[in-house]
Amino acid sequence: MNALTKTTPEAAPKAKIDAKAMLDDARGRDVAWMTLLLATDRQALELFRIYVTLGIAVSSGLVAGTVRQVWGSEVYPIVALGSMLLCLFVACVYCLKAMNPIEITLPGRAAKFWQWATRDDVSEAAAISAYFEYAQTAQDMNRKVNLQNSSDLHVAKKLGIAAFSIAAMIMLVGWQAP
């Protein structure tokens, strides 16, 4: 008796997905990508500010050390400060790369899309399909931009740490030298 009441998979009614829920989900994802890109940009800007400030301080120390070197002081502090300044400079370049204006895709669709979507000869299914095709392209583009910017920011962070590490190693070697 149960066999008579069961429906085949082909005859089973398809579940309806609310178009508003789908669009809200796609919009939410677009906004999340924009938030992530903005956060990376802000981090790069703050790190850039720190590195520039440190670079100015290291530069003044380097100038003072060079003047002192003329009078016969050790060369290790000058080499340490110079290498630190170089690392900070390259780190600043990577911060700028992470903040580089790159074409991204903003949430929402242009007026042309909505003009096309509201035409009488365009079905709701075709409009939704076109919306999600564009959304996928836009999100892929933003993902690529995010990966590049995050990678540049990561290198900048490592170079900032390396600046201090290299300077410290040079100073330790210099103090240990006979």
C-alpha atoms as a PDB file:
ATOM      1  CA  MET A   1       0.000   0.000   0.000  1.00  0.00           C
ATOM      2  CA  ASN A   2       2.894   2.366   0.729  1.00  0.00           C
ATOM      3  CA  ALA A   3       4.252   1.756  -2.741  1.00  0.00           C
ATOM      4  CA  LEU A   4       1.106   3.249  -4.260  1.00  0.00           C
ATOM      5  CA  THR A   5       1.329   6.501  -2.302  1.00  0.00           C
ATOM      6  CA  LYS A   6       5.008   7.185  -2.915  1.00  0.00           C
ATOM      7  CA  THR A   7       5.889   9.644  -5.637  1.00  0.00           C
ATOM      8  CA  THR A   8       8.788   9.263  -7.983  1.00  0.00           C
ATOM      9  CA  PRO A   9      11.617  11.814  -7.858  1.00  0.00           C
ATOM     10  CA  GLU A  10      10.515  13.221 -11.221  1.00  0.00           C
ATOM     11  CA  ALA A  11       6.953  13.714  -9.995  1.00  0.00           C
ATOM     12  CA  ALA A  12       7.948  15.271  -6.676  1.00  0.00           C
ATOM     13  CA  PRO A  13       7.174  18.988  -6.521  1.00  0.00           C
ATOM     14  CA  LYS A  14      10.219  21.220  -6.746  1.00  0.00           C
ATOM     15  CA  ALA A  15      10.958  23.396  -3.741  1.00  0.00           C
ATOM     16  CA  LYS A  16      10.456  27.065  -4.472  1.00  0.00           C
ATOM     17  CA  ILE A  17      13.240  29.410  -3.455  1.00  0.00           C
ATOM     18  CA  ASP A  18      12.192  32.911  -2.617  1.00  0.00           C
ATOM     19  CA  ALA A  19      13.717  35.306  -5.159  1.00  0.00           C
ATOM     20  CA  LYS A  20      13.955  38.039  -2.504  1.00  0.00           C
ATOM     21  CA  ALA A  21      15.943  35.731  -0.221  1.00  0.00           C
ATOM     22  CA  MET A  22      18.324  34.864  -3.071  1.00  0.00           C
ATOM     23  CA  LEU A  23      18.862  38.505  -3.977  1.00  0.00           C
ATOM     24  CA  ASP A  24      19.372  39.492  -0.336  1.00  0.00           C
ATOM     25  CA  ASP A  25      21.936  36.718   0.028  1.00  0.00           C
ATOM     26  CA  ALA A  26      23.842  37.877  -3.066  1.00  0.00           C
ATOM     27  CA  ARG A  27      23.726  41.508  -1.900  1.00  0.00           C
ATOM     28  CA  GLY A  28      24.956  40.488   1.541  1.00  0.00           C
ATOM     29  CA  ARG A  29      27.895  38.677  -0.010  1.00  0.00           C
ATOM     30  CA  ASP A  30      28.728  41.714  -2.146  1.00  0.00           C
ATOM     31  CA  VAL A  31      28.677  43.946   0.928  1.00  0.00           C
ATOM     32  CA  ALA A  32      30.886  41.453   2.804  1.00  0.00           C
ATOM     33  CA  TRP A  33      33.490  41.601   0.016  1.00  0.00           C
ATOM     34  CA  MET A  34      33.420  45.389   0.090  1.00  0.00           C
ATOM     35  CA  THR A  35      33.851  45.392   3.871  1.00  0.00           C
ATOM     36  CA  LEU A  36      36.810  43.033   3.592  1.00  0.00           C
ATOM     37  CA  LEU A  37      38.460  45.182   0.911  1.00  0.00           C
ATOM     38  CA  LEU A  38      37.931  48.306   3.000  1.00  0.00           C
ATOM     39  CA  ALA A  39      39.402  46.645   6.101  1.00  0.00           C
ATOM     40  CA  THR A  40      42.526  45.616   4.188  1.00  0.00           C
ATOM     41  CA  ASP A  41      42.872  49.136   2.823  1.00  0.00           C
ATOM     42  CA  ARG A  42      42.568  50.651   6.297  1.00  0.00           C
ATOM     43  CA  GLN A  43      45.138  48.245   7.740  1.00  0.00           C
ATOM     44  CA  ALA A  44      47.565  49.107   4.972  1.00  0.00           C
ATOM     45  CA  LEU A  45      47.070  52.830   5.596  1.00  0.00           C
ATOM     46  CA  GLU A  46      47.663  52.503   9.348  1.00  0.00           C
ATOM     47  CA  LEU A  47      50.727  50.340   8.805  1.00  0.00           C
ATOM     48  CA  PHE A  48      52.026  52.839   6.242  1.00  0.00           C
ATOM     49  CA  ARG A  49      51.679  55.657   8.770  1.00  0.00           C
ATOM     50  CA  ILE A  50      53.601  53.683  11.383  1.00  0.00           C
ATOM     51  CA  TYR A  51      56.359  52.748   8.942  1.00  0.00           C
ATOM     52  CA  VAL A  52      56.754  56.319   7.702  1.00  0.00           C
ATOM     53  CA  THR A  53      57.019  57.589  11.280  1.00  0.00           C
ATOM     54  CA  LEU A  54      59.589  54.914  12.128  1.00  0.00           C
ATOM     55  CA  GLY A  55      61.431  55.622   8.880  1.00  0.00           C
ATOM     56  CA  ILE A  56      61.769  59.292   9.767  1.00  0.00           C
ATOM     57  CA  ALA A  57      63.089  58.405  13.213  1.00  0.00           C
ATOM     58  CA  VAL A  58      65.537  55.863  11.797  1.00  0.00           C
ATOM     59  CA  SER A  59      66.673  58.355   9.159  1.00  0.00           C
ATOM     60  CA  SER A  60      67.502  60.958  11.769  1.00  0.00           C
ATOM     61  CA  GLY A  61      69.404  58.321  13.742  1.00  0.00           C
ATOM     62  CA  LEU A  62      71.235  57.295  10.600  1.00  0.00           C
ATOM     63  CA  VAL A  63      72.239  60.880   9.861  1.00  0.00           C
ATOM     64  CA  ALA A  64      73.405  61.375  13.444  1.00  0.00           C
ATOM     65  CA  GLY A  65      75.317  58.078  13.295  1.00  0.00           C
ATOM     66  CA  THR A  66      76.966  59.010  10.020  1.00  0.00           C
ATOM     67  CA  VAL A  67      78.152  62.314  11.457  1.00  0.00           C
ATOM     68  CA  ARG A  68      79.496  60.446  14.455  1.00  0.00           C
ATOM     69  CA  GLN A  69      81.181  57.885  12.186  1.00  0.00           C
ATOM     70  CA  VAL A  70      83.306  60.658  10.727  1.00  0.00           C
ATOM     71  CA  TRP A  71      84.737  61.064  14.237  1.00  0.00           C
ATOM     72  CA  GLY A  72      85.616  57.348  14.476  1.00  0.00           C
ATOM     73  CA  SER A  73      82.626  55.545  16.020  1.00  0.00           C
ATOM     74  CA  GLU A  74      81.632  51.945  15.211  1.00  0.00           C
ATOM     75  CA  VAL A  75      80.070  51.226  11.825  1.00  0.00           C
ATOM     76  CA  TYR A  76      77.548  48.598  13.069  1.00  0.00           C
ATOM     77  CA  PRO A  77      74.876  51.042  14.232  1.00  0.00           C
ATOM     78  CA  ILE A  78      74.977  52.762  10.855  1.00  0.00           C
ATOM     79  CA  VAL A  79      74.639  49.469   8.980  1.00  0.00           C
ATOM     80  CA  ALA A  80      71.833  48.363  11.323  1.00  0.00           C
ATOM     81  CA  LEU A  81      69.922  51.613  10.893  1.00  0.00           C
ATOM     82  CA  GLY A  82      70.507  51.618   7.130  1.00  0.00           C
ATOM     83  CA  SER A  83      69.201  48.081   6.739  1.00  0.00           C
ATOM     84  CA  MET A  84      66.234  48.888   8.953  1.00  0.00           C
ATOM     85  CA  LEU A  85      65.463  51.966   6.870  1.00  0.00           C
ATOM     86  CA  LEU A  86      65.678  49.928   3.681  1.00  0.00           C
ATOM     87  CA  CYS A  87      63.263  47.287   5.025  1.00  0.00           C
ATOM     88  CA  LEU A  88      60.852  49.991   6.183  1.00  0.00           C
ATOM     89  CA  PHE A  89      61.027  51.663   2.772  1.00  0.00           C
ATOM     90  CA  VAL A  90      60.191  48.410   0.960  1.00  0.00           C
ATOM     91  CA  ALA A  91      57.423  47.750   3.506  1.00  0.00           C
ATOM     92  CA  CYS A  92      55.963  51.184   2.699  1.00  0.00           C
ATOM     93  CA  VAL A  93      56.013  50.298  -0.988  1.00  0.00           C
ATOM     94  CA  TYR A  94      54.013  47.134  -0.250  1.00  0.00           C
ATOM     95  CA  CYS A  95      51.570  49.134   1.872  1.00  0.00           C
ATOM     96  CA  LEU A  96      51.053  51.465  -1.059  1.00  0.00           C
ATOM     97  CA  LYS A  97      50.565  48.464  -3.350  1.00  0.00           C
ATOM     98  CA  ALA A  98      47.907  47.129  -0.973  1.00  0.00           C
ATOM     99  CA  MET A  99      46.140  50.505  -1.161  1.00  0.00           C
ATOM    100  CA  ASN A 100      46.612  50.843  -4.917  1.00  0.00           C
ATOM    101  CA  PRO A 101      43.376  51.878  -6.610  1.00  0.00           C
ATOM    102  CA  ILE A 102      42.207  48.771  -8.407  1.00  0.00           C
ATOM    103  CA  GLU A 103      38.956  48.328 -10.244  1.00  0.00           C
ATOM    104  CA  ILE A 104      36.463  46.595  -7.984  1.00  0.00           C
ATOM    105  CA  THR A 105      32.810  45.813  -8.436  1.00  0.00           C
ATOM    106  CA  LEU A 106      30.434  47.696  -6.195  1.00  0.00           C
ATOM    107  CA  PRO A 107      27.264  46.137  -4.777  1.00  0.00           C
ATOM    108  CA  GLY A 108      24.106  46.650  -6.770  1.00  0.00           C
ATOM    109  CA  ARG A 109      23.473  46.754 -10.477  1.00  0.00           C
ATOM    110  CA  ALA A 110      23.653  49.616 -12.923  1.00  0.00           C
ATOM    111  CA  ALA A 111      20.510  51.320 -14.187  1.00  0.00           C
ATOM    112  CA  LYS A 112      20.918  49.627 -17.588  1.00  0.00           C
ATOM    113  CA  PHE A 113      20.492  46.202 -15.973  1.00  0.00           C
ATOM    114  CA  TRP A 114      17.271  47.226 -14.245  1.00  0.00           C
ATOM    115  CA  GLN A 115      15.958  48.817 -17.443  1.00  0.00           C
ATOM    116  CA  TRP A 116      16.608  45.549 -19.248  1.00  0.00           C
ATOM    117  CA  ALA A 117      15.186  43.418 -16.416  1.00  0.00           C
ATOM    118  CA  THR A 118      11.893  45.326 -16.346  1.00  0.00           C
ATOM    119  CA  ARG A 119      11.217  44.962 -20.060  1.00  0.00           C
ATOM    120  CA  ASP A 120       8.122  42.941 -20.960  1.00  0.00           C
ATOM    121  CA  ASP A 121      10.074  40.428 -23.047  1.00  0.00           C
ATOM    122  CA  VAL A 122      12.389  39.481 -20.128  1.00  0.00           C
ATOM    123  CA  SER A 123      11.101  36.827 -17.778  1.00  0.00           C
ATOM    124  CA  GLU A 124      11.706  36.914 -14.037  1.00  0.00           C
ATOM    125  CA  ALA A 125      13.809  33.750 -14.289  1.00  0.00           C
ATOM    126  CA  ALA A 126      15.986  35.296 -17.021  1.00  0.00           C
ATOM    127  CA  ALA A 127      16.471  38.482 -14.987  1.00  0.00           C
ATOM    128  CA  ILE A 128      17.409  36.526 -11.859  1.00  0.00           C
ATOM    129  CA  SER A 129      19.769  34.334 -13.855  1.00  0.00           C
ATOM    130  CA  ALA A 130      21.466  37.395 -15.384  1.00  0.00           C
ATOM    131  CA  TYR A 131      21.659  39.021 -11.954  1.00  0.00           C
ATOM    132  CA  PHE A 132      23.477  36.022 -10.490  1.00  0.00           C
ATOM    133  CA  GLU A 133      25.765  35.650 -13.497  1.00  0.00           C
ATOM    134  CA  TYR A 134      26.930  39.203 -12.978  1.00  0.00           C
ATOM    135  CA  ALA A 135      27.088  38.698  -9.209  1.00  0.00           C
ATOM    136  CA  GLN A 136      29.401  35.720  -9.688  1.00  0.00           C
ATOM    137  CA  THR A 137      31.657  37.677 -12.025  1.00  0.00           C
ATOM    138  CA  ALA A 138      31.725  40.626  -9.616  1.00  0.00           C
ATOM    139  CA  GLN A 139      32.487  38.463  -6.597  1.00  0.00           C
ATOM    140  CA  ASP A 140      35.250  36.638  -8.463  1.00  0.00           C
ATOM    141  CA  MET A 141      36.781  39.991  -9.398  1.00  0.00           C
ATOM    142  CA  ASN A 142      36.583  41.257  -5.799  1.00  0.00           C
ATOM    143  CA  ARG A 143      38.051  37.977  -4.526  1.00  0.00           C
ATOM    144  CA  LYS A 144      41.023  38.407  -6.863  1.00  0.00           C
ATOM    145  CA  VAL A 145      41.565  42.010  -5.713  1.00  0.00           C
ATOM    146  CA  ASN A 146      41.303  40.941  -2.075  1.00  0.00           C
ATOM    147  CA  LEU A 147      43.843  38.160  -2.528  1.00  0.00           C
ATOM    148  CA  GLN A 148      46.342  40.554  -4.131  1.00  0.00           C
ATOM    149  CA  ASN A 149      45.855  43.303  -1.542  1.00  0.00           C
ATOM    150  CA  SER A 150      45.980  40.861   1.368  1.00  0.00           C
ATOM    151  CA  SER A 151      49.153  39.339  -0.027  1.00  0.00           C
ATOM    152  CA  ASP A 152      50.804  42.768  -0.342  1.00  0.00           C
ATOM    153  CA  LEU A 153      49.722  43.685   3.196  1.00  0.00           C
ATOM    154  CA  HIS A 154      51.108  40.397   4.509  1.00  0.00           C
ATOM    155  CA  VAL A 155      54.492  41.098   2.891  1.00  0.00           C
ATOM    156  CA  ALA A 156      54.477  44.617   4.374  1.00  0.00           C
ATOM    157  CA  LYS A 157      53.862  43.189   7.853  1.00  0.00           C
ATOM    158  CA  LYS A 158      56.685  40.675   7.460  1.00  0.00           C
ATOM    159  CA  LEU A 159      59.059  43.383   6.252  1.00  0.00           C
ATOM    160  CA  GLY A 160      58.216  45.513   9.287  1.00  0.00           C
ATOM    161  CA  ILE A 161      59.140  42.648  11.576  1.00  0.00           C
ATOM    162  CA  ALA A 162      62.236  41.907   9.498  1.00  0.00           C
ATOM    163  CA  ALA A 163      63.388  45.529   9.776  1.00  0.00           C
ATOM    164  CA  PHE A 164      63.725  45.272  13.532  1.00  0.00           C
ATOM    165  CA  SER A 165      65.059  41.706  13.464  1.00  0.00           C
ATOM    166  CA  ILE A 166      67.804  42.469  10.959  1.00  0.00           C
ATOM    167  CA  ALA A 167      68.838  45.637  12.792  1.00  0.00           C
ATOM    168  CA  ALA A 168      68.967  43.740  16.096  1.00  0.00           C
ATOM    169  CA  MET A 169      71.068  40.938  14.598  1.00  0.00           C
ATOM    170  CA  ILE A 170      73.516  43.385  13.061  1.00  0.00           C
ATOM    171  CA  MET A 171      73.853  45.221  16.383  1.00  0.00           C
ATOM    172  CA  LEU A 172      74.408  41.953  18.266  1.00  0.00           C
ATOM    173  CA  VAL A 173      77.081  40.879  15.804  1.00  0.00           C
ATOM    174  CA  GLY A 174      78.690  44.296  16.057  1.00  0.00           C
ATOM    175  CA  TRP A 175      78.818  44.234  19.831  1.00  0.00           C
ATOM    176  CA  GLN A 176      80.262  40.726  19.828  1.00  0.00           C
ATOM    177  CA  ALA A 177      82.954  41.567  17.283  1.00  0.00           C
ATOM    178  CA  PRO A 178      86.444  42.113  18.683  1.00  0.00           C
END
